[in-house]
């Protein structure tokens, strides 16, 4: 049996510009299927970001933005649900949903165009 040095782990292959734009867009759009469950809109963007962040600074930036925004919107939705008992939450839950959908689509379009986009009204949990 030969005594070979261990092979180093494979480093991630960097994305081409078009692949980076695609993955950045998918990071934003991946929140849509999970929107039926408050925490679901966080899980897929988080998974995609964690897997792909090493391959592109552009994907890393958009992944952090998507995760931070979806955590912020999940908190806003949870507060709105609590405020339903005061009747103001009925209006707020619709407002939060509209803001979440509109800004998610804007971010996805910007990412697909190769632009850096920072969500407004977002708490930066991940820096």
Protein backbone atom coordinates (compact mmCIF):
# COMPACT_ATOMS: atom_id res chain seq x y z
CA UNK A 1 0.00 0.00 0.00
CA UNK A 2 1.38 3.37 -1.03
CA UNK A 3 1.81 6.12 1.45
CA UNK A 4 0.37 9.17 -0.35
CA UNK A 5 -0.21 12.57 1.17
CA UNK A 6 -3.87 13.37 1.66
CA UNK A 7 -5.43 15.29 -1.18
CA UNK A 8 -6.68 18.72 -0.21
CA UNK A 9 -10.43 19.28 -0.40
CA UNK A 10 -11.64 20.72 -3.65
CA UNK A 11 -12.07 24.45 -3.55
CA UNK A 12 -15.30 25.79 -4.96
CA UNK A 13 -15.14 26.69 -8.62
CA UNK A 14 -16.02 30.37 -9.03
CA UNK A 15 -19.20 31.18 -10.92
CA UNK A 16 -19.25 32.88 -14.27
CA UNK A 17 -20.99 36.25 -14.24
CA UNK A 18 -24.20 34.80 -15.70
CA UNK A 19 -24.21 31.92 -13.19
CA UNK A 20 -23.68 34.36 -10.33
CA UNK A 21 -26.60 36.48 -11.53
CA UNK A 22 -28.80 33.38 -11.83
CA UNK A 23 -27.98 32.11 -8.32
CA UNK A 24 -28.40 35.57 -6.81
CA UNK A 25 -31.84 35.83 -8.43
CA UNK A 26 -32.79 32.34 -7.27
CA UNK A 27 -31.74 33.22 -3.73
CA UNK A 28 -34.36 35.97 -3.69
CA UNK A 29 -37.07 34.00 -5.50
CA UNK A 30 -36.58 30.90 -3.35
CA UNK A 31 -38.47 32.66 -0.56
CA UNK A 32 -41.72 32.59 -2.55
CA UNK A 33 -42.57 28.88 -2.17
CA UNK A 34 -41.95 29.04 1.58
CA UNK A 35 -44.18 32.06 2.08
CA UNK A 36 -47.13 29.95 3.21
CA UNK A 37 -45.20 29.17 6.39
CA UNK A 38 -43.55 32.17 8.06
CA UNK A 39 -40.21 30.45 8.66
CA UNK A 40 -40.35 28.77 5.24
CA UNK A 41 -39.44 31.97 3.45
CA UNK A 42 -36.14 32.00 5.35
CA UNK A 43 -35.04 28.38 4.92
CA UNK A 44 -34.46 28.13 1.15
CA UNK A 45 -32.64 31.47 0.77
CA UNK A 46 -30.47 30.52 3.76
CA UNK A 47 -29.62 27.10 2.28
CA UNK A 48 -28.80 28.50 -1.15
CA UNK A 49 -26.70 31.30 0.33
CA UNK A 50 -24.75 28.94 2.63
CA UNK A 51 -23.97 26.54 -0.24
CA UNK A 52 -23.14 29.09 -2.95
CA UNK A 53 -21.59 32.02 -1.05
CA UNK A 54 -18.01 30.80 -1.53
CA UNK A 55 -18.33 30.81 -5.30
CA UNK A 56 -19.21 34.45 -5.83
CA UNK A 57 -19.10 37.68 -3.85
CA UNK A 58 -22.21 38.76 -5.79
CA UNK A 59 -24.16 35.69 -4.63
CA UNK A 60 -22.82 36.17 -1.10
CA UNK A 61 -24.09 39.78 -1.04
CA UNK A 62 -27.53 38.91 -2.41
CA UNK A 63 -27.83 35.86 -0.17
CA UNK A 64 -27.23 37.93 2.95
CA UNK A 65 -29.71 40.52 1.75
CA UNK A 66 -32.38 37.90 1.03
CA UNK A 67 -31.94 36.16 4.39
CA UNK A 68 -31.92 39.43 6.35
CA UNK A 69 -35.00 40.72 4.54
CA UNK A 70 -36.95 37.50 5.01
CA UNK A 71 -36.11 37.35 8.71
CA UNK A 72 -37.26 40.96 9.05
CA UNK A 73 -40.51 40.23 7.19
CA UNK A 74 -41.12 37.09 9.26
CA UNK A 75 -40.83 39.18 12.42
CA UNK A 76 -43.15 41.82 10.97
CA UNK A 77 -45.67 39.12 10.03
CA UNK A 78 -45.51 37.59 13.50
CA UNK A 79 -46.12 40.99 15.11
CA UNK A 80 -49.01 41.60 12.71
CA UNK A 81 -50.60 38.28 13.67
CA UNK A 82 -50.37 39.24 17.34
CA UNK A 83 -51.91 42.63 16.55
CA UNK A 84 -54.89 40.97 14.84
CA UNK A 85 -56.44 40.88 18.31
CA UNK A 86 -56.34 44.69 18.30
CA UNK A 87 -57.81 44.70 14.76
CA UNK A 88 -54.92 46.75 13.33
CA UNK A 89 -53.08 43.52 12.52
CA UNK A 90 -55.61 42.62 9.82
CA UNK A 91 -54.47 45.64 7.82
CA UNK A 92 -50.79 45.19 8.74
CA UNK A 93 -50.60 41.54 7.65
CA UNK A 94 -51.75 42.51 4.15
CA UNK A 95 -49.33 45.43 4.07
CA UNK A 96 -46.40 43.23 5.19
CA UNK A 97 -47.32 40.64 2.55
CA UNK A 98 -47.48 43.24 -0.22
CA UNK A 99 -44.17 44.85 0.82
CA UNK A 100 -42.51 41.43 1.04
CA UNK A 101 -43.70 40.34 -2.42
CA UNK A 102 -42.91 43.63 -4.18
CA UNK A 103 -39.42 44.01 -2.71
CA UNK A 104 -38.59 40.34 -3.33
CA UNK A 105 -39.48 40.69 -7.00
CA UNK A 106 -37.54 43.96 -7.32
CA UNK A 107 -34.47 42.33 -5.73
CA UNK A 108 -34.70 39.31 -8.04
CA UNK A 109 -34.89 41.54 -11.12
CA UNK A 110 -31.97 43.67 -9.94
CA UNK A 111 -29.88 40.56 -9.22
CA UNK A 112 -30.68 39.13 -12.65
CA UNK A 113 -29.53 42.45 -14.19
CA UNK A 114 -26.23 42.18 -12.31
CA UNK A 115 -27.01 45.04 -9.91
CA UNK A 116 -26.37 45.13 -6.19
CA UNK A 117 -29.65 45.78 -4.36
CA UNK A 118 -30.16 46.50 -0.67
CA UNK A 119 -33.64 45.96 0.67
CA UNK A 120 -35.12 48.94 2.48
CA UNK A 121 -36.72 48.47 5.92
CA UNK A 122 -34.38 45.57 6.72
CA UNK A 123 -32.64 44.66 9.96
CA UNK A 124 -29.12 43.46 9.13
CA UNK A 125 -28.84 40.30 11.23
CA UNK A 126 -26.08 38.86 9.02
CA UNK A 127 -23.32 41.26 8.03
